[in-house]
Protein backbone atom coordinates (compact mmCIF):
# COMPACT_ATOMS: atom_id res chain seq x y z
CA MET A 1 -100.12 -25.34 -102.40
CA ARG A 2 -100.34 -24.31 -106.11
CA ALA A 3 -103.85 -24.90 -106.04
CA LEU A 4 -104.23 -22.59 -103.14
CA SER A 5 -102.01 -19.85 -105.21
CA LEU A 6 -104.64 -20.25 -108.01
CA PHE A 7 -107.87 -20.25 -106.06
CA GLY A 8 -106.63 -16.91 -104.50
CA THR A 9 -105.65 -15.37 -107.42
CA THR A 10 -109.15 -16.26 -109.30
CA CYS A 11 -111.19 -14.94 -105.99
CA LEU A 12 -109.00 -11.68 -106.55
CA VAL A 13 -109.88 -11.24 -110.00
CA LEU A 14 -113.45 -12.04 -109.37
CA ILE A 15 -113.84 -9.36 -106.69
CA LEU A 16 -111.75 -6.64 -109.11
CA LEU A 17 -114.44 -7.86 -111.89
CA ALA A 18 -117.35 -7.13 -109.30
CA ALA A 19 -115.81 -3.62 -107.91
CA PRO A 20 -116.67 -1.52 -111.30
CA GLY A 21 -120.27 -2.84 -110.87
CA SER A 22 -120.80 -1.84 -107.16
CA ALA A 23 -119.39 1.38 -107.68
CA GLU A 24 -122.18 2.37 -109.91
CA LYS A 25 -124.42 5.16 -108.82
CA SER A 26 -127.91 4.67 -106.82
CA ASP A 27 -131.16 4.70 -108.67
CA GLN A 28 -132.38 5.79 -105.28
CA ALA A 29 -133.81 9.30 -105.34
CA LYS A 30 -131.68 10.50 -102.39
CA ASP A 31 -128.53 9.95 -104.68
CA LEU A 32 -130.16 10.68 -108.14
CA ILE A 33 -131.27 14.42 -106.96
CA VAL A 34 -127.58 15.49 -106.27
CA GLY A 35 -126.64 18.16 -108.96
CA LYS A 36 -127.73 21.14 -110.43
CA TRP A 37 -131.34 21.52 -111.73
CA GLU A 38 -132.97 24.16 -114.27
CA PRO A 39 -136.64 24.53 -115.11
CA VAL A 40 -137.98 22.25 -117.97
CA LYS A 41 -139.73 25.56 -119.27
CA LYS A 42 -138.02 28.76 -118.84
CA ASN A 43 -141.27 30.59 -118.58
CA ASP A 44 -141.92 29.03 -115.34
CA GLN A 45 -139.99 30.54 -112.61
CA ASP A 46 -136.53 30.86 -113.70
CA VAL A 47 -134.95 28.94 -110.40
CA THR A 48 -131.86 26.92 -110.55
CA LEU A 49 -131.65 24.52 -107.90
CA GLU A 50 -128.58 22.70 -106.61
CA PHE A 51 -128.86 19.43 -104.28
CA LYS A 52 -125.67 18.50 -102.84
CA LYS A 53 -124.44 15.34 -101.18
CA ASP A 54 -124.17 16.79 -97.65
CA GLY A 55 -127.76 17.60 -97.31
CA THR A 56 -127.55 21.40 -98.32
CA LEU A 57 -129.44 23.13 -100.78
CA LYS A 58 -128.97 26.47 -102.99
CA VAL A 59 -131.76 28.02 -104.62
CA ASP A 60 -131.05 30.89 -107.24
CA VAL A 61 -133.97 32.84 -108.47
CA LYS A 62 -132.27 34.57 -111.41
CA LYS A 63 -135.60 37.07 -112.08
CA GLN A 64 -135.59 38.36 -108.43
CA GLY A 65 -131.75 38.22 -108.15
CA VAL A 66 -132.04 35.97 -104.89
CA ALA A 67 -130.18 33.26 -103.90
CA LEU A 68 -131.18 31.06 -100.96
CA ASP A 69 -129.16 28.52 -98.97
CA GLY A 70 -131.23 25.78 -97.22
CA LYS A 71 -130.77 22.18 -96.13
CA TYR A 72 -132.76 19.33 -97.63
CA LYS A 73 -133.98 15.75 -96.14
CA PHE A 74 -135.68 12.69 -97.32
CA THR A 75 -138.49 11.99 -94.90
CA LYS A 76 -139.76 9.06 -97.14
CA ASP A 77 -138.54 7.79 -100.79
CA ASP A 78 -140.61 9.94 -102.56
CA GLU A 79 -140.94 13.29 -100.17
CA ILE A 80 -138.23 15.83 -99.13
CA GLU A 81 -138.47 18.14 -96.41
CA VAL A 82 -136.66 21.55 -97.38
CA THR A 83 -135.71 23.96 -94.57
CA SER A 84 -134.76 27.69 -95.90
CA LYS A 85 -134.24 30.83 -93.66
CA GLU A 86 -135.42 33.89 -94.80
CA GLY A 87 -133.53 36.61 -93.00
CA GLU A 88 -134.54 35.39 -89.28
CA LYS A 89 -137.51 33.48 -90.58
CA GLU A 90 -137.35 29.69 -91.07
CA ARG A 91 -139.40 28.14 -93.54
CA LYS A 92 -139.84 24.68 -93.81
CA GLU A 93 -141.93 23.07 -96.94
CA THR A 94 -142.44 19.38 -97.80
CA ASN A 95 -142.38 18.28 -101.49
CA LYS A 96 -143.59 14.97 -103.30
CA VAL A 97 -140.30 13.93 -105.40
CA THR A 98 -140.14 12.07 -108.71
CA VAL A 99 -136.37 11.79 -110.02
CA THR A 100 -134.56 10.14 -112.72
CA LYS A 101 -131.14 10.73 -114.00
CA GLU A 102 -132.42 13.54 -116.16
CA GLN A 103 -135.57 14.71 -114.66
CA LEU A 104 -136.91 16.16 -111.50
CA THR A 105 -140.54 17.07 -110.61
CA LEU A 106 -141.46 18.39 -107.24
CA LYS A 107 -144.88 18.77 -105.78
CA ASP A 108 -145.84 20.92 -103.26
CA GLU A 109 -148.15 20.85 -100.37
CA LYS A 110 -151.00 22.50 -102.57
CA GLY A 111 -150.43 20.27 -105.82
CA LYS A 112 -148.26 22.69 -107.65
CA GLU A 113 -145.61 20.83 -109.67
CA MET A 114 -142.37 21.99 -111.10
CA LYS A 115 -140.37 20.22 -113.42
CA PHE A 116 -136.80 20.37 -113.76
CA LYS A 117 -134.15 18.91 -115.92
CA ARG A 118 -130.12 18.12 -114.99
CA LYS A 119 -127.78 21.01 -115.84
CA SER A 120 -124.82 19.23 -114.45
């Protein structure tokens, strides 16, 4: 009986020790993209992006004083589809994505690349 109790305690300790490792953030693009991003170079369009975990997106274009709401979804591991509304007109755009913990690069369908760094 004492051996079973010791075995149960050992298993519980191992589970608790393993839990922090399994709770670490994922290194997948869909997880890394969540957060606020600002341009690496300020002379690029002064745009702040905020990707939320629920698939929504906020775009703040400071020079024009415009804030847009949209949605995004990953269609491939390295590709997102962004949907936004401008008035009654809905706009869809597909971008190639490269993302790390600190840097985000978006490349549009025409090959234009924008680089961002994590703001928060």
